[in-house]
Amino acid sequence: MRLVRPFAIAVAFACLMPAVPGAQMGGDPDRVVPNGGISVAGWQGKIDPGSVAQGRTINDSKFSQEGSALHLIIGPAAVYWNPANTASGDYTIKGTFKEPKMSDANSHPHPYGIFIGGHNMGTDKMSLVYCLAYGDGRALVRGFNPTAGPPTGNGHGVFTPMRAAANAAVKKVAAGEPVTQDISWTVKGDSASCTINGTVVATYTKAELVGADKLESFDGVYGIRISHNVEAVVTGFGKQ
């Protein structure tokens, strides 16, 4: 009879374990923000399934309004939206995101930005596409769709038109310094473009973003996508 060593059993077991978000490993789990919750009328939020698995809820972050600005102090990564905020046809959605101190928890910054094309918001069938900026000078374009393949570490099925990569348009600062990024999506005809700080960082045709395992349409709800453990003050957010 062949004996199986304990080490071999451990390796086999590890191979069967689900992937865990990289941002939640190495001592960087979702924080819990005191006195959290959404206090801005009409707004809703949904945290990532990976954060739900940690036992977190939307009330572990704080989403408030200060004058005309939205102030986000985030524990679990999430999307935030107001169901009244929809866009169709040709449109531009803009927002200015100020990070008071660029995050560098566990040696990685945390991004934030705008999503468009939201459908089935707040449900397990939610789909949308977002463009994000990182304080270390990178940009990312990614979408959620539950049928877009096996869930990633954050628990969503995703499609990724543009992986996180350095872009000269995105402001880059050292950890702990303030940084401000102007982010927008513009839909015109059959194309959608993401602009950061006045420079187009990515443009896609409808065929590239809409269809099976992607968006239902460029039309839909728009809102904010933000990573975990980050703070941002958002001004000038809305449809232009």
C-alpha atoms as a PDB file:
ATOM      1  CA  MET A   1       0.000   0.000   0.000  1.00  0.00           C
ATOM      2  CA  ARG A   2       1.423   3.361  -1.021  1.00  0.00           C
ATOM      3  CA  LEU A   3       1.693   5.960   1.747  1.00  0.00           C
ATOM      4  CA  VAL A   4       0.795   9.591   0.983  1.00  0.00           C
ATOM      5  CA  ARG A   5       2.995  12.019   2.828  1.00  0.00           C
ATOM      6  CA  PRO A   6       1.362  14.946   4.705  1.00  0.00           C
ATOM      7  CA  PHE A   7       3.170  17.455   2.486  1.00  0.00           C
ATOM      8  CA  ALA A   8       1.644  15.950  -0.637  1.00  0.00           C
ATOM      9  CA  ILE A   9      -1.806  16.096   0.953  1.00  0.00           C
ATOM     10  CA  ALA A  10      -1.314  19.773   1.811  1.00  0.00           C
ATOM     11  CA  VAL A  11      -0.252  20.610  -1.736  1.00  0.00           C
ATOM     12  CA  ALA A  12      -3.209  18.788  -3.223  1.00  0.00           C
ATOM     13  CA  PHE A  13      -5.593  20.561  -0.854  1.00  0.00           C
ATOM     14  CA  ALA A  14      -4.104  23.960  -1.680  1.00  0.00           C
ATOM     15  CA  CYS A  15      -4.656  23.340  -5.367  1.00  0.00           C
ATOM     16  CA  LEU A  16      -8.362  22.861  -4.697  1.00  0.00           C
ATOM     17  CA  MET A  17      -8.757  26.086  -2.730  1.00  0.00           C
ATOM     18  CA  PRO A  18     -10.423  29.063  -4.497  1.00  0.00           C
ATOM     19  CA  ALA A  19      -8.319  32.002  -5.507  1.00  0.00           C
ATOM     20  CA  VAL A  20      -8.107  34.784  -2.950  1.00  0.00           C
ATOM     21  CA  PRO A  21      -7.834  38.432  -4.023  1.00  0.00           C
ATOM     22  CA  GLY A  22      -4.234  39.531  -4.067  1.00  0.00           C
ATOM     23  CA  ALA A  23      -5.213  42.778  -2.361  1.00  0.00           C
ATOM     24  CA  GLN A  24      -6.626  40.774   0.529  1.00  0.00           C
ATOM     25  CA  MET A  25      -3.516  38.663   1.084  1.00  0.00           C
ATOM     26  CA  GLY A  26      -0.238  39.554   2.720  1.00  0.00           C
ATOM     27  CA  GLY A  27      -1.765  41.520   5.597  1.00  0.00           C
ATOM     28  CA  ASP A  28      -4.151  43.706   3.572  1.00  0.00           C
ATOM     29  CA  PRO A  29      -7.678  42.487   4.358  1.00  0.00           C
ATOM     30  CA  ASP A  30     -10.644  44.840   4.045  1.00  0.00           C
ATOM     31  CA  ARG A  31     -10.715  47.328   6.887  1.00  0.00           C
ATOM     32  CA  VAL A  32     -13.883  48.252   8.775  1.00  0.00           C
ATOM     33  CA  VAL A  33     -14.626  51.991   8.746  1.00  0.00           C
ATOM     34  CA  PRO A  34     -16.328  53.271  11.940  1.00  0.00           C
ATOM     35  CA  ASN A  35     -19.775  54.862  11.606  1.00  0.00           C
ATOM     36  CA  GLY A  36     -20.048  53.519   8.082  1.00  0.00           C
ATOM     37  CA  GLY A  37     -22.938  53.278   5.660  1.00  0.00           C
ATOM     38  CA  ILE A  38     -24.389  55.294   2.788  1.00  0.00           C
ATOM     39  CA  SER A  39     -25.833  58.626   3.917  1.00  0.00           C
ATOM     40  CA  VAL A  40     -26.332  60.267   0.511  1.00  0.00           C
ATOM     41  CA  ALA A  41     -29.990  60.236  -0.561  1.00  0.00           C
ATOM     42  CA  GLY A  42     -30.745  57.947  -3.489  1.00  0.00           C
ATOM     43  CA  TRP A  43     -27.362  56.229  -3.594  1.00  0.00           C
ATOM     44  CA  GLN A  44     -26.826  52.495  -3.236  1.00  0.00           C
ATOM     45  CA  GLY A  45     -23.803  50.229  -3.139  1.00  0.00           C
ATOM     46  CA  LYS A  46     -22.706  46.642  -3.612  1.00  0.00           C
ATOM     47  CA  ILE A  47     -19.459  45.175  -2.328  1.00  0.00           C
ATOM     48  CA  ASP A  48     -17.473  42.494  -4.108  1.00  0.00           C
ATOM     49  CA  PRO A  49     -18.302  38.832  -3.424  1.00  0.00           C
ATOM     50  CA  GLY A  50     -14.737  38.386  -2.207  1.00  0.00           C
ATOM     51  CA  SER A  51     -15.423  40.953   0.493  1.00  0.00           C
ATOM     52  CA  VAL A  52     -18.728  39.301   1.393  1.00  0.00           C
ATOM     53  CA  ALA A  53     -16.713  36.130   1.969  1.00  0.00           C
ATOM     54  CA  GLN A  54     -14.676  38.051   4.557  1.00  0.00           C
ATOM     55  CA  GLY A  55     -17.896  38.885   6.391  1.00  0.00           C
ATOM     56  CA  ARG A  56     -17.940  42.508   5.243  1.00  0.00           C
ATOM     57  CA  THR A  57     -21.015  44.558   4.309  1.00  0.00           C
ATOM     58  CA  ILE A  58     -21.617  47.865   2.540  1.00  0.00           C
ATOM     59  CA  ASN A  59     -21.859  49.444   6.010  1.00  0.00           C
ATOM     60  CA  ASP A  60     -18.161  48.732   6.599  1.00  0.00           C
ATOM     61  CA  SER A  61     -17.395  51.749   4.356  1.00  0.00           C
ATOM     62  CA  LYS A  62     -18.551  55.345   4.670  1.00  0.00           C
ATOM     63  CA  PHE A  63     -20.183  57.094   1.681  1.00  0.00           C
ATOM     64  CA  SER A  64     -21.198  60.637   2.587  1.00  0.00           C
ATOM     65  CA  GLN A  65     -21.709  64.074   1.088  1.00  0.00           C
ATOM     66  CA  GLU A  66     -19.817  67.203   2.071  1.00  0.00           C
ATOM     67  CA  GLY A  67     -21.220  70.225   0.264  1.00  0.00           C
ATOM     68  CA  SER A  68     -21.255  69.251  -3.396  1.00  0.00           C
ATOM     69  CA  ALA A  69     -18.552  66.593  -2.950  1.00  0.00           C
ATOM     70  CA  LEU A  70     -18.931  62.871  -2.341  1.00  0.00           C
ATOM     71  CA  HIS A  71     -16.567  61.578   0.353  1.00  0.00           C
ATOM     72  CA  LEU A  72     -15.709  57.884   0.192  1.00  0.00           C
ATOM     73  CA  ILE A  73     -13.796  56.207   3.011  1.00  0.00           C
ATOM     74  CA  ILE A  74     -13.708  52.619   1.838  1.00  0.00           C
ATOM     75  CA  GLY A  75     -13.282  49.289   3.561  1.00  0.00           C
ATOM     76  CA  PRO A  76     -14.518  46.623   1.093  1.00  0.00           C
ATOM     77  CA  ALA A  77     -14.219  47.251  -2.652  1.00  0.00           C
ATOM     78  CA  ALA A  78     -17.549  48.245  -4.164  1.00  0.00           C
ATOM     79  CA  VAL A  79     -19.588  49.965  -6.814  1.00  0.00           C
ATOM     80  CA  TYR A  80     -21.820  52.905  -5.863  1.00  0.00           C
ATOM     81  CA  TRP A  81     -24.683  54.308  -7.902  1.00  0.00           C
ATOM     82  CA  ASN A  82     -27.938  56.232  -7.844  1.00  0.00           C
ATOM     83  CA  PRO A  83     -30.623  54.452  -9.936  1.00  0.00           C
ATOM     84  CA  ALA A  84     -31.746  57.864 -11.217  1.00  0.00           C
ATOM     85  CA  ASN A  85     -28.331  58.354 -12.842  1.00  0.00           C
ATOM     86  CA  THR A  86     -28.715  56.822 -16.296  1.00  0.00           C
ATOM     87  CA  ALA A  87     -27.254  57.743 -19.660  1.00  0.00           C
ATOM     88  CA  SER A  88     -28.145  56.788 -23.218  1.00  0.00           C
ATOM     89  CA  GLY A  89     -27.219  57.774 -26.752  1.00  0.00           C
ATOM     90  CA  ASP A  90     -24.210  60.100 -26.909  1.00  0.00           C
ATOM     91  CA  TYR A  91     -23.000  61.229 -23.480  1.00  0.00           C
ATOM     92  CA  THR A  92     -20.036  62.016 -21.240  1.00  0.00           C
ATOM     93  CA  ILE A  93     -19.763  61.059 -17.565  1.00  0.00           C
ATOM     94  CA  LYS A  94     -17.108  62.978 -15.628  1.00  0.00           C
ATOM     95  CA  GLY A  95     -15.687  63.123 -12.138  1.00  0.00           C
ATOM     96  CA  THR A  96     -12.641  64.466 -10.322  1.00  0.00           C
ATOM     97  CA  PHE A  97     -11.158  62.055  -7.772  1.00  0.00           C
ATOM     98  CA  LYS A  98      -8.854  63.380  -5.069  1.00  0.00           C
ATOM     99  CA  GLU A  99      -6.992  60.887  -2.928  1.00  0.00           C
ATOM    100  CA  PRO A 100      -5.817  62.811   0.163  1.00  0.00           C
ATOM    101  CA  LYS A 101      -2.967  60.362   0.726  1.00  0.00           C
ATOM    102  CA  MET A 102      -2.082  57.935  -2.038  1.00  0.00           C
ATOM    103  CA  SER A 103      -2.561  54.468  -0.565  1.00  0.00           C
ATOM    104  CA  ASP A 104       0.287  52.006  -0.500  1.00  0.00           C
ATOM    105  CA  ALA A 105      -0.962  49.328   1.832  1.00  0.00           C
ATOM    106  CA  ASN A 106       1.143  46.210   1.424  1.00  0.00           C
ATOM    107  CA  SER A 107       3.113  48.017  -1.319  1.00  0.00           C
ATOM    108  CA  HIS A 108       0.234  48.376  -3.757  1.00  0.00           C
ATOM    109  CA  PRO A 109      -1.983  51.389  -4.487  1.00  0.00           C
ATOM    110  CA  HIS A 110      -5.744  51.143  -4.789  1.00  0.00           C
ATOM    111  CA  PRO A 111      -7.684  52.503  -7.804  1.00  0.00           C
ATOM    112  CA  TYR A 112     -10.975  54.352  -8.320  1.00  0.00           C
ATOM    113  CA  GLY A 113     -12.975  55.687 -11.238  1.00  0.00           C
ATOM    114  CA  ILE A 114     -16.225  55.638 -13.189  1.00  0.00           C
ATOM    115  CA  PHE A 115     -18.425  52.876 -14.568  1.00  0.00           C
ATOM    116  CA  ILE A 116     -21.019  53.054 -17.330  1.00  0.00           C
ATOM    117  CA  GLY A 117     -23.480  50.663 -18.970  1.00  0.00           C
ATOM    118  CA  GLY A 118     -24.770  49.329 -15.675  1.00  0.00           C
ATOM    119  CA  HIS A 119     -27.565  46.749 -15.814  1.00  0.00           C
ATOM    120  CA  ASN A 120     -29.189  44.600 -13.116  1.00  0.00           C
ATOM    121  CA  MET A 121     -27.520  46.737 -10.480  1.00  0.00           C
ATOM    122  CA  GLY A 122     -27.266  45.251  -7.023  1.00  0.00           C
ATOM    123  CA  THR A 123     -27.991  41.714  -8.224  1.00  0.00           C
ATOM    124  CA  ASP A 124     -25.877  38.676  -9.043  1.00  0.00           C
ATOM    125  CA  LYS A 125     -26.499  39.446 -12.737  1.00  0.00           C
ATOM    126  CA  MET A 126     -24.920  42.907 -12.568  1.00  0.00           C
ATOM    127  CA  SER A 127     -22.922  44.029 -15.595  1.00  0.00           C
ATOM    128  CA  LEU A 128     -20.946  47.243 -16.191  1.00  0.00           C
ATOM    129  CA  VAL A 129     -17.580  48.529 -17.425  1.00  0.00           C
ATOM    130  CA  TYR A 130     -15.259  50.856 -15.546  1.00  0.00           C
ATOM    131  CA  CYS A 131     -12.126  52.934 -16.114  1.00  0.00           C
ATOM    132  CA  LEU A 132      -9.874  53.472 -13.110  1.00  0.00           C
ATOM    133  CA  ALA A 133      -6.760  55.430 -12.207  1.00  0.00           C
ATOM    134  CA  TYR A 134      -4.061  54.409  -9.749  1.00  0.00           C
ATOM    135  CA  GLY A 135      -1.965  56.934  -7.856  1.00  0.00           C
ATOM    136  CA  ASP A 136       1.167  55.175  -9.097  1.00  0.00           C
ATOM    137  CA  GLY A 137       0.434  56.219 -12.699  1.00  0.00           C
ATOM    138  CA  ARG A 138      -1.488  53.235 -14.032  1.00  0.00           C
ATOM    139  CA  ALA A 139      -4.874  52.946 -15.747  1.00  0.00           C
ATOM    140  CA  LEU A 140      -7.254  49.986 -15.936  1.00  0.00           C
ATOM    141  CA  VAL A 141     -10.390  49.185 -17.949  1.00  0.00           C
ATOM    142  CA  ARG A 142     -12.425  46.217 -16.767  1.00  0.00           C
ATOM    143  CA  GLY A 143     -16.013  45.027 -16.740  1.00  0.00           C
ATOM    144  CA  PHE A 144     -18.228  42.806 -14.631  1.00  0.00           C
ATOM    145  CA  ASN A 145     -20.485  40.139 -16.094  1.00  0.00           C
ATOM    146  CA  PRO A 146     -21.385  36.950 -14.216  1.00  0.00           C
ATOM    147  CA  THR A 147     -21.088  34.869 -17.393  1.00  0.00           C
ATOM    148  CA  ALA A 148     -17.640  36.196 -18.313  1.00  0.00           C
ATOM    149  CA  GLY A 149     -15.825  33.097 -17.134  1.00  0.00           C
ATOM    150  CA  PRO A 150     -14.704  31.740 -13.756  1.00  0.00           C
ATOM    151  CA  PRO A 151     -14.860  34.337 -10.970  1.00  0.00           C
ATOM    152  CA  THR A 152     -11.625  36.176 -10.253  1.00  0.00           C
ATOM    153  CA  GLY A 153     -10.229  36.734  -6.797  1.00  0.00           C
ATOM    154  CA  ASN A 154     -12.780  39.476  -6.072  1.00  0.00           C
ATOM    155  CA  GLY A 155     -15.575  37.004  -6.809  1.00  0.00           C
ATOM    156  CA  HIS A 156     -16.812  38.609 -10.037  1.00  0.00           C
ATOM    157  CA  GLY A 157     -16.802  37.224 -13.532  1.00  0.00           C
ATOM    158  CA  VAL A 158     -14.820  39.860 -15.411  1.00  0.00           C
ATOM    159  CA  PHE A 159     -13.735  40.928 -18.868  1.00  0.00           C
ATOM    160  CA  THR A 160     -10.644  43.110 -19.109  1.00  0.00           C
ATOM    161  CA  PRO A 161     -10.287  45.275 -22.234  1.00  0.00           C
ATOM    162  CA  MET A 162      -7.147  46.892 -20.787  1.00  0.00           C
ATOM    163  CA  ARG A 163      -5.035  45.462 -18.008  1.00  0.00           C
ATOM    164  CA  ALA A 164      -3.557  47.815 -15.435  1.00  0.00           C
ATOM    165  CA  ALA A 165      -0.580  49.491 -17.083  1.00  0.00           C
ATOM    166  CA  ALA A 166       1.480  52.659 -16.759  1.00  0.00           C
ATOM    167  CA  ASN A 167       0.116  55.585 -18.746  1.00  0.00           C
ATOM    168  CA  ALA A 168       1.700  59.025 -19.023  1.00  0.00           C
ATOM    169  CA  ALA A 169      -1.738  60.658 -18.667  1.00  0.00           C
ATOM    170  CA  VAL A 170      -2.215  59.312 -15.139  1.00  0.00           C
ATOM    171  CA  LYS A 171      -0.633  61.309 -12.327  1.00  0.00           C
ATOM    172  CA  LYS A 172       1.965  59.455 -10.305  1.00  0.00           C
ATOM    173  CA  VAL A 173       2.925  60.323  -6.740  1.00  0.00           C
ATOM    174  CA  ALA A 174       4.717  58.713  -3.838  1.00  0.00           C
ATOM    175  CA  ALA A 175       2.782  56.854  -1.164  1.00  0.00           C
ATOM    176  CA  GLY A 176       1.219  59.238   1.322  1.00  0.00           C
ATOM    177  CA  GLU A 177       1.112  62.197  -1.075  1.00  0.00           C
ATOM    178  CA  PRO A 178      -2.156  63.700  -2.363  1.00  0.00           C
ATOM    179  CA  VAL A 179      -3.161  63.078  -5.968  1.00  0.00           C
ATOM    180  CA  THR A 180      -6.068  64.242  -8.117  1.00  0.00           C
ATOM    181  CA  GLN A 181      -7.254  62.448 -11.271  1.00  0.00           C
ATOM    182  CA  ASP A 182      -9.919  63.710 -13.697  1.00  0.00           C
ATOM    183  CA  ILE A 183     -11.705  60.689 -15.181  1.00  0.00           C
ATOM    184  CA  SER A 184     -14.439  60.462 -17.808  1.00  0.00           C
ATOM    185  CA  TRP A 185     -16.219  58.110 -20.171  1.00  0.00           C
ATOM    186  CA  THR A 186     -17.518  59.465 -23.487  1.00  0.00           C
ATOM    187  CA  VAL A 187     -19.908  57.486 -25.661  1.00  0.00           C
ATOM    188  CA  LYS A 188     -20.393  58.731 -29.189  1.00  0.00           C
ATOM    189  CA  GLY A 189     -22.116  56.628 -31.818  1.00  0.00           C
ATOM    190  CA  ASP A 190     -20.631  53.137 -31.752  1.00  0.00           C
ATOM    191  CA  SER A 191     -17.560  53.912 -29.644  1.00  0.00           C
ATOM    192  CA  ALA A 192     -16.716  54.546 -26.003  1.00  0.00           C
ATOM    193  CA  SER A 193     -13.567  56.304 -24.786  1.00  0.00           C
ATOM    194  CA  CYS A 194     -12.042  56.694 -21.354  1.00  0.00           C
ATOM    195  CA  THR A 195     -10.155  59.910 -20.696  1.00  0.00           C
ATOM    196  CA  ILE A 196      -7.869  60.576 -17.732  1.00  0.00           C
ATOM    197  CA  ASN A 197      -6.574  64.071 -17.064  1.00  0.00           C
ATOM    198  CA  GLY A 198      -7.558  65.255 -20.533  1.00  0.00           C
ATOM    199  CA  THR A 199      -5.959  62.411 -22.491  1.00  0.00           C
ATOM    200  CA  VAL A 200      -7.822  59.490 -24.036  1.00  0.00           C
ATOM    201  CA  VAL A 201      -6.293  56.341 -22.571  1.00  0.00           C
ATOM    202  CA  ALA A 202      -8.558  53.799 -24.295  1.00  0.00           C
ATOM    203  CA  THR A 203     -11.224  53.689 -27.015  1.00  0.00           C
ATOM    204  CA  TYR A 204     -13.464  50.740 -27.867  1.00  0.00           C
ATOM    205  CA  THR A 205     -16.065  49.948 -30.470  1.00  0.00           C
ATOM    206  CA  LYS A 206     -19.484  48.707 -29.446  1.00  0.00           C
ATOM    207  CA  ALA A 207     -18.535  45.275 -30.776  1.00  0.00           C
ATOM    208  CA  GLU A 208     -15.604  45.166 -28.338  1.00  0.00           C
ATOM    209  CA  LEU A 209     -17.620  46.038 -25.225  1.00  0.00           C
ATOM    210  CA  VAL A 210     -21.191  44.953 -25.908  1.00  0.00           C
ATOM    211  CA  GLY A 211     -22.339  41.367 -26.389  1.00  0.00           C
ATOM    212  CA  ALA A 212     -22.163  37.950 -24.799  1.00  0.00           C
ATOM    213  CA  ASP A 213     -20.223  37.972 -21.514  1.00  0.00           C
ATOM    214  CA  LYS A 214     -19.802  41.771 -21.719  1.00  0.00           C
ATOM    215  CA  LEU A 215     -22.148  44.759 -21.530  1.00  0.00           C
ATOM    216  CA  GLU A 216     -25.816  44.616 -22.435  1.00  0.00           C
ATOM    217  CA  SER A 217     -25.546  48.118 -23.887  1.00  0.00           C
ATOM    218  CA  PHE A 218     -23.634  51.394 -23.622  1.00  0.00           C
ATOM    219  CA  ASP A 219     -26.933  52.739 -22.234  1.00  0.00           C
ATOM    220  CA  GLY A 220     -27.602  52.196 -18.554  1.00  0.00           C
ATOM    221  CA  VAL A 221     -26.723  53.273 -15.035  1.00  0.00           C
ATOM    222  CA  TYR A 222     -23.458  55.072 -14.355  1.00  0.00           C
ATOM    223  CA  GLY A 223     -21.621  55.393 -11.075  1.00  0.00           C
ATOM    224  CA  ILE A 224     -18.395  54.969  -9.120  1.00  0.00           C
ATOM    225  CA  ARG A 225     -16.105  51.954  -8.828  1.00  0.00           C
ATOM    226  CA  ILE A 226     -13.570  52.008  -6.005  1.00  0.00           C
ATOM    227  CA  SER A 227     -11.105  49.507  -4.602  1.00  0.00           C
ATOM    228  CA  HIS A 228     -10.809  48.513  -0.971  1.00  0.00           C
ATOM    229  CA  ASN A 229      -8.993  50.374   1.809  1.00  0.00           C
ATOM    230  CA  VAL A 230      -8.840  53.732   0.042  1.00  0.00           C
ATOM    231  CA  GLU A 231     -10.208  57.243   0.542  1.00  0.00           C
ATOM    232  CA  ALA A 232     -11.370  59.572  -2.227  1.00  0.00           C
ATOM    233  CA  VAL A 233     -13.214  62.876  -2.474  1.00  0.00           C
ATOM    234  CA  VAL A 234     -15.221  63.076  -5.694  1.00  0.00           C
ATOM    235  CA  THR A 235     -16.320  66.399  -7.169  1.00  0.00           C
ATOM    236  CA  GLY A 236     -18.080  67.383 -10.370  1.00  0.00           C
ATOM    237  CA  PHE A 237     -19.499  63.897 -10.787  1.00  0.00           C
ATOM    238  CA  GLY A 238     -22.258  63.433 -13.321  1.00  0.00           C
ATOM    239  CA  LYS A 239     -23.426  63.520 -16.895  1.00  0.00           C
ATOM    240  CA  GLN A 240     -22.187  66.329 -19.130  1.00  0.00           C
END
